[in-house]
Amino acid sequence: MNAIEIRGLTKQFGSKQALAGLDMTVPQGAIYGFIGENGSGKSTTEKLICGLLVPSGGRIKLFGRDYTDADVRAKVGLLIESPGCFPNYSVWNNMLLQAANLGIKNAAEEVRKVLRIVRMEGSASNKFKNCSLGMKQRIGIAMALLGDPALLILDEPLNGLDADGMRIMREVLVDITRQYGCTVLISSHILGELEKIATHYGIIRQGRMMCEMTAEELDRSCPTYIALRGADMAGMERLLSMRYRRVEEENGDLRVYDAVAPEEVTAYLYGQGMLPAELTTAKIGLEEYYIGLMGGEVKR
């Protein structure tokens, strides 16, 4: 069963069409990276799924049922923009208030559980206003996890985090899916971090889904290449272009995209009286794939 199925979704704001027949499928148990430029329709889609906006047309199903079904709505947790907390209240009291709003029984036990999941159990007494940005984002996720949701929707939770904050957030999101069976839909512009955890991707542009793929399909679509640098870059490019079909300059490197071993390239250049100063094997990642797709020139 899919956690989310969207077909032909449209949303009009006056004369502006935010979504233009969007199709989207999020498998149950996935970490689904939702990617697109600003204004592409990501946040609008998330708000429609959560019931914060009403669609102009199309269909949304959650776990095989219409998204307006009260029982299925209770399975959705969300963090869109920032958590709504009282700044002078402690993390613990903010969490208890949210648990009371949701009518959760055994509220203290439930709050302790979700704070443990997001690595915040040692900071429960901190005032919310004194928490770092990364801590505030994790508090928001903890609030979204109250009530054991089966689907968690997160809008840009990685924005503004430092390296350690991103690491903790990655660990939290992986734990949520692996240990608690929750499906996660996460939008982010930080594609390098998203690539470390996502199992599925959806790339949206101008209100339409450009493509959906699994992490394995992305990996197969991103070629490996050999990157070289040396004193005579122009000379190396000329020699390599005589032998290999595709040689390109990118970010100060010469890239050989043909399926060749580094030793073969080194031996060839040595035979021509030239050696590179640096030679590495690398692979195109999600960010470069996305940039190429937006420009219509996906490297394959």
C-alpha atoms as a PDB file:
ATOM      1  CA  MET A   1       0.000   0.000   0.000  1.00  0.00           C
ATOM      2  CA  ASN A   2       1.156   3.542  -0.718  1.00  0.00           C
ATOM      3  CA  ALA A   3       1.187   6.123   2.051  1.00  0.00           C
ATOM      4  CA  ILE A   4       0.316   8.900  -0.430  1.00  0.00           C
ATOM      5  CA  GLU A   5      -1.302   8.716  -3.866  1.00  0.00           C
ATOM      6  CA  ILE A   6      -2.003  11.966  -5.684  1.00  0.00           C
ATOM      7  CA  ARG A   7      -3.559  12.124  -9.147  1.00  0.00           C
ATOM      8  CA  GLY A   8      -4.220  15.216 -11.239  1.00  0.00           C
ATOM      9  CA  LEU A   9      -3.924  17.609  -8.289  1.00  0.00           C
ATOM     10  CA  THR A  10      -4.525  21.267  -9.111  1.00  0.00           C
ATOM     11  CA  LYS A  11      -4.524  24.398  -6.987  1.00  0.00           C
ATOM     12  CA  GLN A  12      -5.426  27.884  -8.139  1.00  0.00           C
ATOM     13  CA  PHE A  13      -4.749  31.077  -6.182  1.00  0.00           C
ATOM     14  CA  GLY A  14      -6.724  33.694  -8.109  1.00  0.00           C
ATOM     15  CA  SER A  15      -5.100  33.876 -11.544  1.00  0.00           C
ATOM     16  CA  LYS A  16      -2.013  31.934 -10.422  1.00  0.00           C
ATOM     17  CA  GLN A  17      -1.917  28.169 -10.893  1.00  0.00           C
ATOM     18  CA  ALA A  18       0.305  26.690  -8.174  1.00  0.00           C
ATOM     19  CA  LEU A  19      -0.289  23.050  -9.134  1.00  0.00           C
ATOM     20  CA  ALA A  20      -1.118  21.903 -12.647  1.00  0.00           C
ATOM     21  CA  GLY A  21      -2.188  18.260 -12.591  1.00  0.00           C
ATOM     22  CA  LEU A  22       0.360  16.877 -10.128  1.00  0.00           C
ATOM     23  CA  ASP A  23       0.773  13.101  -9.813  1.00  0.00           C
ATOM     24  CA  MET A  24       2.699  11.713  -6.845  1.00  0.00           C
ATOM     25  CA  THR A  25       3.239   8.310  -5.219  1.00  0.00           C
ATOM     26  CA  VAL A  26       4.928   7.837  -1.836  1.00  0.00           C
ATOM     27  CA  PRO A  27       5.366   4.175  -0.825  1.00  0.00           C
ATOM     28  CA  GLN A  28       4.700   3.203   2.763  1.00  0.00           C
ATOM     29  CA  GLY A  29       7.885   3.207   4.862  1.00  0.00           C
ATOM     30  CA  ALA A  30       9.781   5.521   2.478  1.00  0.00           C
ATOM     31  CA  ILE A  31      11.822   8.618   3.188  1.00  0.00           C
ATOM     32  CA  TYR A  32      10.589  10.598   0.186  1.00  0.00           C
ATOM     33  CA  GLY A  33      12.741  13.562  -0.812  1.00  0.00           C
ATOM     34  CA  PHE A  34      10.479  16.201  -2.367  1.00  0.00           C
ATOM     35  CA  ILE A  35      12.641  18.482  -4.508  1.00  0.00           C
ATOM     36  CA  GLY A  36      12.005  21.614  -6.536  1.00  0.00           C
ATOM     37  CA  GLU A  37      12.966  25.246  -6.945  1.00  0.00           C
ATOM     38  CA  ASN A  38      11.253  28.008  -4.958  1.00  0.00           C
ATOM     39  CA  GLY A  39       7.684  28.471  -6.176  1.00  0.00           C
ATOM     40  CA  SER A  40       7.502  25.028  -7.761  1.00  0.00           C
ATOM     41  CA  GLY A  41       4.587  23.920  -5.569  1.00  0.00           C
ATOM     42  CA  LYS A  42       6.245  21.854  -2.821  1.00  0.00           C
ATOM     43  CA  SER A  43       4.783  23.669   0.188  1.00  0.00           C
ATOM     44  CA  THR A  44       1.396  23.971  -1.507  1.00  0.00           C
ATOM     45  CA  THR A  45       1.349  20.204  -2.066  1.00  0.00           C
ATOM     46  CA  GLU A  46       2.267  19.515   1.550  1.00  0.00           C
ATOM     47  CA  LYS A  47      -0.405  21.884   2.850  1.00  0.00           C
ATOM     48  CA  LEU A  48      -3.010  20.241   0.609  1.00  0.00           C
ATOM     49  CA  ILE A  49      -2.065  16.778   1.885  1.00  0.00           C
ATOM     50  CA  CYS A  50      -2.370  18.033   5.471  1.00  0.00           C
ATOM     51  CA  GLY A  51      -5.743  19.670   4.851  1.00  0.00           C
ATOM     52  CA  LEU A  52      -4.457  23.201   5.408  1.00  0.00           C
ATOM     53  CA  LEU A  53      -5.550  24.128   1.872  1.00  0.00           C
ATOM     54  CA  VAL A  54      -8.443  22.900  -0.271  1.00  0.00           C
ATOM     55  CA  PRO A  55      -7.545  21.574  -3.751  1.00  0.00           C
ATOM     56  CA  SER A  56      -9.060  23.078  -6.874  1.00  0.00           C
ATOM     57  CA  GLY A  57      -9.174  19.637  -8.482  1.00  0.00           C
ATOM     58  CA  GLY A  58      -7.676  16.164  -8.428  1.00  0.00           C
ATOM     59  CA  ARG A  59      -7.516  13.396  -5.855  1.00  0.00           C
ATOM     60  CA  ILE A  60      -5.460  12.754  -2.703  1.00  0.00           C
ATOM     61  CA  LYS A  61      -5.423   9.365  -0.996  1.00  0.00           C
ATOM     62  CA  LEU A  62      -3.590   8.496   2.212  1.00  0.00           C
ATOM     63  CA  PHE A  63      -3.094   4.803   2.954  1.00  0.00           C
ATOM     64  CA  GLY A  64      -5.711   3.943   0.328  1.00  0.00           C
ATOM     65  CA  ARG A  65      -8.418   6.253   1.718  1.00  0.00           C
ATOM     66  CA  ASP A  66      -9.559   9.765   0.887  1.00  0.00           C
ATOM     67  CA  TYR A  67      -7.407  12.307   2.694  1.00  0.00           C
ATOM     68  CA  THR A  68     -10.474  13.909   4.323  1.00  0.00           C
ATOM     69  CA  ASP A  69     -11.289  10.686   6.205  1.00  0.00           C
ATOM     70  CA  ALA A  70     -11.066  11.481   9.938  1.00  0.00           C
ATOM     71  CA  ASP A  71      -9.341   8.221  10.823  1.00  0.00           C
ATOM     72  CA  VAL A  72      -6.638   8.645   8.197  1.00  0.00           C
ATOM     73  CA  ARG A  73      -6.129  12.307   9.118  1.00  0.00           C
ATOM     74  CA  ALA A  74      -5.255  11.179  12.633  1.00  0.00           C
ATOM     75  CA  LYS A  75      -2.312   9.246  11.170  1.00  0.00           C
ATOM     76  CA  VAL A  76      -0.596  12.407   9.846  1.00  0.00           C
ATOM     77  CA  GLY A  77       1.985  14.469  11.729  1.00  0.00           C
ATOM     78  CA  LEU A  78       3.451  17.637  10.251  1.00  0.00           C
ATOM     79  CA  LEU A  79       6.040  20.336  10.695  1.00  0.00           C
ATOM     80  CA  ILE A  80       5.544  23.136   8.191  1.00  0.00           C
ATOM     81  CA  GLU A  81       7.692  26.249   8.581  1.00  0.00           C
ATOM     82  CA  SER A  82       8.388  26.278  12.359  1.00  0.00           C
ATOM     83  CA  PRO A  83       6.962  24.743  15.537  1.00  0.00           C
ATOM     84  CA  GLY A  84       4.342  26.830  17.322  1.00  0.00           C
ATOM     85  CA  CYS A  85       5.753  27.034  20.847  1.00  0.00           C
ATOM     86  CA  PHE A  86       5.552  29.469  23.742  1.00  0.00           C
ATOM     87  CA  PRO A  87       9.066  30.957  23.956  1.00  0.00           C
ATOM     88  CA  ASN A  88       9.140  31.321  27.765  1.00  0.00           C
ATOM     89  CA  TYR A  89       7.798  27.835  28.433  1.00  0.00           C
ATOM     90  CA  SER A  90      10.080  24.861  28.826  1.00  0.00           C
ATOM     91  CA  VAL A  91      10.355  22.219  26.122  1.00  0.00           C
ATOM     92  CA  TRP A  92       8.555  19.823  28.465  1.00  0.00           C
ATOM     93  CA  ASN A  93       5.608  22.170  29.104  1.00  0.00           C
ATOM     94  CA  ASN A  94       5.262  23.017  25.424  1.00  0.00           C
ATOM     95  CA  MET A  95       5.132  19.307  24.644  1.00  0.00           C
ATOM     96  CA  LEU A  96       2.543  18.649  27.376  1.00  0.00           C
ATOM     97  CA  LEU A  97       0.346  21.440  26.004  1.00  0.00           C
ATOM     98  CA  GLN A  98       0.474  19.923  22.535  1.00  0.00           C
ATOM     99  CA  ALA A  99      -0.323  16.482  23.939  1.00  0.00           C
ATOM    100  CA  ALA A 100      -3.334  17.989  25.739  1.00  0.00           C
ATOM    101  CA  ASN A 101      -4.484  19.654  22.501  1.00  0.00           C
ATOM    102  CA  LEU A 102      -4.400  16.256  20.807  1.00  0.00           C
ATOM    103  CA  GLY A 103      -6.229  14.543  23.664  1.00  0.00           C
ATOM    104  CA  ILE A 104      -3.406  12.082  24.249  1.00  0.00           C
ATOM    105  CA  LYS A 105      -3.725   9.789  27.258  1.00  0.00           C
ATOM    106  CA  ASN A 106      -0.633   9.135  29.372  1.00  0.00           C
ATOM    107  CA  ALA A 107       0.723  12.447  28.056  1.00  0.00           C
ATOM    108  CA  ALA A 108       3.899  12.486  30.179  1.00  0.00           C
ATOM    109  CA  GLU A 109       4.886   9.008  29.017  1.00  0.00           C
ATOM    110  CA  GLU A 110       4.207   9.905  25.379  1.00  0.00           C
ATOM    111  CA  VAL A 111       6.217  13.144  25.648  1.00  0.00           C
ATOM    112  CA  ARG A 112       9.163  11.299  27.175  1.00  0.00           C
ATOM    113  CA  LYS A 113       9.056   8.794  24.308  1.00  0.00           C
ATOM    114  CA  VAL A 114       9.078  11.350  21.484  1.00  0.00           C
ATOM    115  CA  LEU A 115      11.760  13.500  23.154  1.00  0.00           C
ATOM    116  CA  ARG A 116      13.920  10.389  23.364  1.00  0.00           C
ATOM    117  CA  ILE A 117      13.352   9.693  19.655  1.00  0.00           C
ATOM    118  CA  VAL A 118      14.574  13.186  18.676  1.00  0.00           C
ATOM    119  CA  ARG A 119      17.530  13.143  21.142  1.00  0.00           C
ATOM    120  CA  MET A 120      16.027  15.901  23.300  1.00  0.00           C
ATOM    121  CA  GLU A 121      15.325  14.067  26.564  1.00  0.00           C
ATOM    122  CA  GLY A 122      18.229  15.855  28.272  1.00  0.00           C
ATOM    123  CA  SER A 123      16.929  19.298  27.281  1.00  0.00           C
ATOM    124  CA  ALA A 124      13.310  19.014  28.451  1.00  0.00           C
ATOM    125  CA  SER A 125      13.771  21.715  31.120  1.00  0.00           C
ATOM    126  CA  ASN A 126      15.235  24.276  28.672  1.00  0.00           C
ATOM    127  CA  LYS A 127      13.097  27.244  27.747  1.00  0.00           C
ATOM    128  CA  PHE A 128      12.134  27.064  24.095  1.00  0.00           C
ATOM    129  CA  LYS A 129      13.592  30.522  23.377  1.00  0.00           C
ATOM    130  CA  ASN A 130      17.015  29.360  24.598  1.00  0.00           C
ATOM    131  CA  CYS A 131      17.155  26.356  22.270  1.00  0.00           C
ATOM    132  CA  SER A 132      19.318  26.351  19.145  1.00  0.00           C
ATOM    133  CA  LEU A 133      17.723  26.255  15.702  1.00  0.00           C
ATOM    134  CA  GLY A 134      18.512  22.558  15.363  1.00  0.00           C
ATOM    135  CA  MET A 135      16.935  21.828  18.750  1.00  0.00           C
ATOM    136  CA  LYS A 136      13.822  23.823  17.799  1.00  0.00           C
ATOM    137  CA  GLN A 137      13.466  21.820  14.596  1.00  0.00           C
ATOM    138  CA  ARG A 138      13.722  18.577  16.561  1.00  0.00           C
ATOM    139  CA  ILE A 139      11.142  19.845  19.053  1.00  0.00           C
ATOM    140  CA  GLY A 140       8.835  20.487  16.102  1.00  0.00           C
ATOM    141  CA  ILE A 141       9.389  16.929  14.878  1.00  0.00           C
ATOM    142  CA  ALA A 142       8.734  15.609  18.400  1.00  0.00           C
ATOM    143  CA  MET A 143       5.423  17.479  18.432  1.00  0.00           C
ATOM    144  CA  ALA A 144       4.564  16.023  15.028  1.00  0.00           C
ATOM    145  CA  LEU A 145       5.313  12.535  16.384  1.00  0.00           C
ATOM    146  CA  LEU A 146       2.849  12.817  19.267  1.00  0.00           C
ATOM    147  CA  GLY A 147       0.084  10.289  18.763  1.00  0.00           C
ATOM    148  CA  ASP A 148       2.220   7.818  16.767  1.00  0.00           C
ATOM    149  CA  PRO A 149       1.530   9.098  13.218  1.00  0.00           C
ATOM    150  CA  ALA A 150       2.057   6.753  10.285  1.00  0.00           C
ATOM    151  CA  LEU A 151       2.980   9.663   7.981  1.00  0.00           C
ATOM    152  CA  LEU A 152       5.254  12.575   8.846  1.00  0.00           C
ATOM    153  CA  ILE A 153       5.375  15.645   6.577  1.00  0.00           C
ATOM    154  CA  LEU A 154       8.350  17.975   7.023  1.00  0.00           C
ATOM    155  CA  ASP A 155       8.857  21.253   5.163  1.00  0.00           C
ATOM    156  CA  GLU A 156      12.533  22.265   4.975  1.00  0.00           C
ATOM    157  CA  PRO A 157      13.584  20.890   8.407  1.00  0.00           C
ATOM    158  CA  LEU A 158      17.309  21.056   7.477  1.00  0.00           C
ATOM    159  CA  ASN A 159      17.444  24.783   6.740  1.00  0.00           C
ATOM    160  CA  GLY A 160      19.952  26.718   8.816  1.00  0.00           C
ATOM    161  CA  LEU A 161      21.385  23.706  10.656  1.00  0.00           C
ATOM    162  CA  ASP A 162      25.095  23.319  11.283  1.00  0.00           C
ATOM    163  CA  ALA A 163      26.935  20.104  10.414  1.00  0.00           C
ATOM    164  CA  ASP A 164      26.251  18.458  13.779  1.00  0.00           C
ATOM    165  CA  GLY A 165      22.599  19.493  13.676  1.00  0.00           C
ATOM    166  CA  MET A 166      22.227  17.940  10.235  1.00  0.00           C
ATOM    167  CA  ARG A 167      23.873  14.721  11.388  1.00  0.00           C
ATOM    168  CA  ILE A 168      21.489  14.403  14.330  1.00  0.00           C
ATOM    169  CA  MET A 169      18.504  15.204  12.114  1.00  0.00           C
ATOM    170  CA  ARG A 170      19.539  12.501   9.638  1.00  0.00           C
ATOM    171  CA  GLU A 171      19.820   9.955  12.443  1.00  0.00           C
ATOM    172  CA  VAL A 172      16.420  10.945  13.814  1.00  0.00           C
ATOM    173  CA  LEU A 173      14.670  10.619  10.444  1.00  0.00           C
ATOM    174  CA  VAL A 174      16.224   7.229   9.711  1.00  0.00           C
ATOM    175  CA  ASP A 175      15.225   6.002  13.191  1.00  0.00           C
ATOM    176  CA  ILE A 176      11.656   7.177  12.661  1.00  0.00           C
ATOM    177  CA  THR A 177      11.286   5.022   9.561  1.00  0.00           C
ATOM    178  CA  ARG A 178      13.346   1.976  10.549  1.00  0.00           C
ATOM    179  CA  GLN A 179      12.345   1.602  14.190  1.00  0.00           C
ATOM    180  CA  TYR A 180       8.850   3.070  14.211  1.00  0.00           C
ATOM    181  CA  GLY A 181       7.669   2.306  10.655  1.00  0.00           C
ATOM    182  CA  CYS A 182       6.727   5.912   9.892  1.00  0.00           C
ATOM    183  CA  THR A 183       6.697   7.196   6.311  1.00  0.00           C
ATOM    184  CA  VAL A 184       8.473  10.561   5.907  1.00  0.00           C
ATOM    185  CA  LEU A 185       7.816  13.156   3.205  1.00  0.00           C
ATOM    186  CA  ILE A 186      10.566  15.772   3.430  1.00  0.00           C
ATOM    187  CA  SER A 187      11.201  18.806   1.245  1.00  0.00           C
ATOM    188  CA  SER A 188      14.667  20.339   1.240  1.00  0.00           C
ATOM    189  CA  HIS A 189      17.034  22.419  -0.871  1.00  0.00           C
ATOM    190  CA  ILE A 190      20.047  20.803   0.817  1.00  0.00           C
ATOM    191  CA  LEU A 191      20.297  17.957  -1.658  1.00  0.00           C
ATOM    192  CA  GLY A 192      23.629  16.585  -0.467  1.00  0.00           C
ATOM    193  CA  GLU A 193      22.107  15.879   2.955  1.00  0.00           C
ATOM    194  CA  LEU A 194      18.851  14.576   1.504  1.00  0.00           C
ATOM    195  CA  GLU A 195      20.780  12.109  -0.641  1.00  0.00           C
ATOM    196  CA  LYS A 196      22.213  10.473   2.495  1.00  0.00           C
ATOM    197  CA  ILE A 197      18.817   9.357   3.807  1.00  0.00           C
ATOM    198  CA  ALA A 198      16.147   9.385   1.077  1.00  0.00           C
ATOM    199  CA  THR A 199      14.847   6.104  -0.341  1.00  0.00           C
ATOM    200  CA  HIS A 200      12.664   7.782  -2.972  1.00  0.00           C
ATOM    201  CA  TYR A 201      12.608  11.125  -4.773  1.00  0.00           C
ATOM    202  CA  GLY A 202      10.072  13.322  -6.491  1.00  0.00           C
ATOM    203  CA  ILE A 203      11.203  16.317  -8.536  1.00  0.00           C
ATOM    204  CA  ILE A 204       8.569  18.994  -9.131  1.00  0.00           C
ATOM    205  CA  ARG A 205       8.659  21.974 -11.468  1.00  0.00           C
ATOM    206  CA  GLN A 206       5.999  24.606 -12.116  1.00  0.00           C
ATOM    207  CA  GLY A 207       3.355  22.558 -10.368  1.00  0.00           C
ATOM    208  CA  ARG A 208       3.990  19.302 -12.244  1.00  0.00           C
ATOM    209  CA  MET A 209       5.964  16.211 -11.301  1.00  0.00           C
ATOM    210  CA  MET A 210       8.973  15.940 -13.593  1.00  0.00           C
ATOM    211  CA  CYS A 211      10.040  12.509 -12.367  1.00  0.00           C
ATOM    212  CA  GLU A 212       9.844  10.093  -9.466  1.00  0.00           C
ATOM    213  CA  MET A 213      12.522   7.514  -8.746  1.00  0.00           C
ATOM    214  CA  THR A 214      13.991   5.301  -6.081  1.00  0.00           C
ATOM    215  CA  ALA A 215      17.469   5.887  -4.656  1.00  0.00           C
ATOM    216  CA  GLU A 216      18.621   2.839  -6.654  1.00  0.00           C
ATOM    217  CA  GLU A 217      17.221   4.282  -9.889  1.00  0.00           C
ATOM    218  CA  LEU A 218      18.966   7.580  -9.192  1.00  0.00           C
ATOM    219  CA  ASP A 219      22.231   5.742  -8.604  1.00  0.00           C
ATOM    220  CA  ARG A 220      21.909   3.952 -11.956  1.00  0.00           C
ATOM    221  CA  SER A 221      21.167   7.266 -13.691  1.00  0.00           C
ATOM    222  CA  CYS A 222      24.255   8.995 -12.285  1.00  0.00           C
ATOM    223  CA  PRO A 223      27.432   7.953 -14.121  1.00  0.00           C
ATOM    224  CA  THR A 224      30.869   7.459 -12.635  1.00  0.00           C
ATOM    225  CA  TYR A 225      33.652   9.562 -14.141  1.00  0.00           C
ATOM    226  CA  ILE A 226      37.392  10.086 -13.820  1.00  0.00           C
ATOM    227  CA  ALA A 227      38.436  13.599 -12.795  1.00  0.00           C
ATOM    228  CA  LEU A 228      41.909  14.908 -13.626  1.00  0.00           C
ATOM    229  CA  ARG A 229      43.965  18.007 -12.959  1.00  0.00           C
ATOM    230  CA  GLY A 230      47.416  18.925 -14.163  1.00  0.00           C
ATOM    231  CA  ALA A 231      49.740  21.705 -15.223  1.00  0.00           C
ATOM    232  CA  ASP A 232      48.719  21.497 -18.892  1.00  0.00           C
ATOM    233  CA  MET A 233      44.940  21.178 -18.772  1.00  0.00           C
ATOM    234  CA  ALA A 234      44.496  22.149 -22.425  1.00  0.00           C
ATOM    235  CA  GLY A 235      47.030  19.556 -23.522  1.00  0.00           C
ATOM    236  CA  MET A 236      45.379  16.828 -21.458  1.00  0.00           C
ATOM    237  CA  GLU A 237      41.972  17.726 -22.821  1.00  0.00           C
ATOM    238  CA  ARG A 238      43.272  17.532 -26.397  1.00  0.00           C
ATOM    239  CA  LEU A 239      44.878  14.135 -25.843  1.00  0.00           C
ATOM    240  CA  LEU A 240      41.956  12.662 -23.933  1.00  0.00           C
ATOM    241  CA  SER A 241      39.464  13.887 -26.537  1.00  0.00           C
ATOM    242  CA  MET A 242      41.383  11.995 -29.210  1.00  0.00           C
ATOM    243  CA  ARG A 243      40.809   8.707 -27.362  1.00  0.00           C
ATOM    244  CA  TYR A 244      37.603   9.065 -25.364  1.00  0.00           C
ATOM    245  CA  ARG A 245      34.170   9.965 -26.618  1.00  0.00           C
ATOM    246  CA  ARG A 246      33.186  12.333 -23.843  1.00  0.00           C
ATOM    247  CA  VAL A 247      35.633  14.644 -22.080  1.00  0.00           C
ATOM    248  CA  GLU A 248      34.315  17.762 -20.344  1.00  0.00           C
ATOM    249  CA  GLU A 249      35.708  20.519 -18.149  1.00  0.00           C
ATOM    250  CA  GLU A 250      33.752  21.029 -14.947  1.00  0.00           C
ATOM    251  CA  ASN A 251      34.724  23.003 -11.808  1.00  0.00           C
ATOM    252  CA  GLY A 252      38.391  23.074 -12.783  1.00  0.00           C
ATOM    253  CA  ASP A 253      38.552  19.334 -13.525  1.00  0.00           C
ATOM    254  CA  LEU A 254      38.683  17.366 -16.731  1.00  0.00           C
ATOM    255  CA  ARG A 255      36.069  14.638 -16.600  1.00  0.00           C
ATOM    256  CA  VAL A 256      36.221  11.458 -18.642  1.00  0.00           C
ATOM    257  CA  TYR A 257      32.717   9.950 -18.665  1.00  0.00           C
ATOM    258  CA  ASP A 258      33.427   6.814 -20.667  1.00  0.00           C
ATOM    259  CA  ALA A 259      33.540   3.574 -18.673  1.00  0.00           C
ATOM    260  CA  VAL A 260      37.324   3.391 -18.197  1.00  0.00           C
ATOM    261  CA  ALA A 261      39.664   2.496 -15.342  1.00  0.00           C
ATOM    262  CA  PRO A 262      41.888   5.231 -13.842  1.00  0.00           C
ATOM    263  CA  GLU A 263      44.939   3.117 -14.612  1.00  0.00           C
ATOM    264  CA  GLU A 264      44.018   3.104 -18.287  1.00  0.00           C
ATOM    265  CA  VAL A 265      43.807   6.900 -18.403  1.00  0.00           C
ATOM    266  CA  THR A 266      47.115   7.274 -16.557  1.00  0.00           C
ATOM    267  CA  ALA A 267      48.868   4.779 -18.865  1.00  0.00           C
ATOM    268  CA  TYR A 268      47.505   6.519 -21.958  1.00  0.00           C
ATOM    269  CA  LEU A 269      48.655   9.991 -20.833  1.00  0.00           C
ATOM    270  CA  TYR A 270      52.047   8.615 -19.758  1.00  0.00           C
ATOM    271  CA  GLY A 271      52.469   7.080 -23.193  1.00  0.00           C
ATOM    272  CA  GLN A 272      51.885  10.545 -24.654  1.00  0.00           C
ATOM    273  CA  GLY A 273      54.506  12.103 -22.377  1.00  0.00           C
ATOM    274  CA  MET A 274      52.111  13.632 -19.880  1.00  0.00           C
ATOM    275  CA  LEU A 275      50.985  12.796 -16.345  1.00  0.00           C
ATOM    276  CA  PRO A 276      48.154  14.364 -14.332  1.00  0.00           C
ATOM    277  CA  ALA A 277      48.945  15.898 -10.954  1.00  0.00           C
ATOM    278  CA  GLU A 278      45.614  14.629  -9.549  1.00  0.00           C
ATOM    279  CA  LEU A 279      43.344  11.797 -10.649  1.00  0.00           C
ATOM    280  CA  THR A 280      40.238  10.599  -8.821  1.00  0.00           C
ATOM    281  CA  THR A 281      37.170   8.514  -9.556  1.00  0.00           C
ATOM    282  CA  ALA A 282      33.877  10.182  -8.660  1.00  0.00           C
ATOM    283  CA  LYS A 283      30.174   9.934  -9.338  1.00  0.00           C
ATOM    284  CA  ILE A 284      27.488  12.456 -10.134  1.00  0.00           C
ATOM    285  CA  GLY A 285      25.231  12.977  -7.111  1.00  0.00           C
ATOM    286  CA  LEU A 286      21.666  14.137  -6.560  1.00  0.00           C
ATOM    287  CA  GLU A 287      22.512  17.850  -6.681  1.00  0.00           C
ATOM    288  CA  GLU A 288      24.294  17.641 -10.014  1.00  0.00           C
ATOM    289  CA  TYR A 289      21.612  15.334 -11.417  1.00  0.00           C
ATOM    290  CA  TYR A 290      18.931  17.819 -10.354  1.00  0.00           C
ATOM    291  CA  ILE A 291      20.769  20.816 -11.830  1.00  0.00           C
ATOM    292  CA  GLY A 292      21.197  18.933 -15.086  1.00  0.00           C
ATOM    293  CA  LEU A 293      17.525  17.981 -15.135  1.00  0.00           C
ATOM    294  CA  MET A 294      16.439  21.563 -14.580  1.00  0.00           C
ATOM    295  CA  GLY A 295      18.640  22.608 -17.489  1.00  0.00           C
ATOM    296  CA  GLY A 296      17.493  19.739 -19.667  1.00  0.00           C
ATOM    297  CA  GLU A 297      20.992  18.234 -19.799  1.00  0.00           C
ATOM    298  CA  VAL A 298      21.069  15.243 -17.510  1.00  0.00           C
ATOM    299  CA  LYS A 299      24.485  13.586 -17.647  1.00  0.00           C
ATOM    300  CA  ARG A 300      24.075   9.855 -18.381  1.00  0.00           C
END
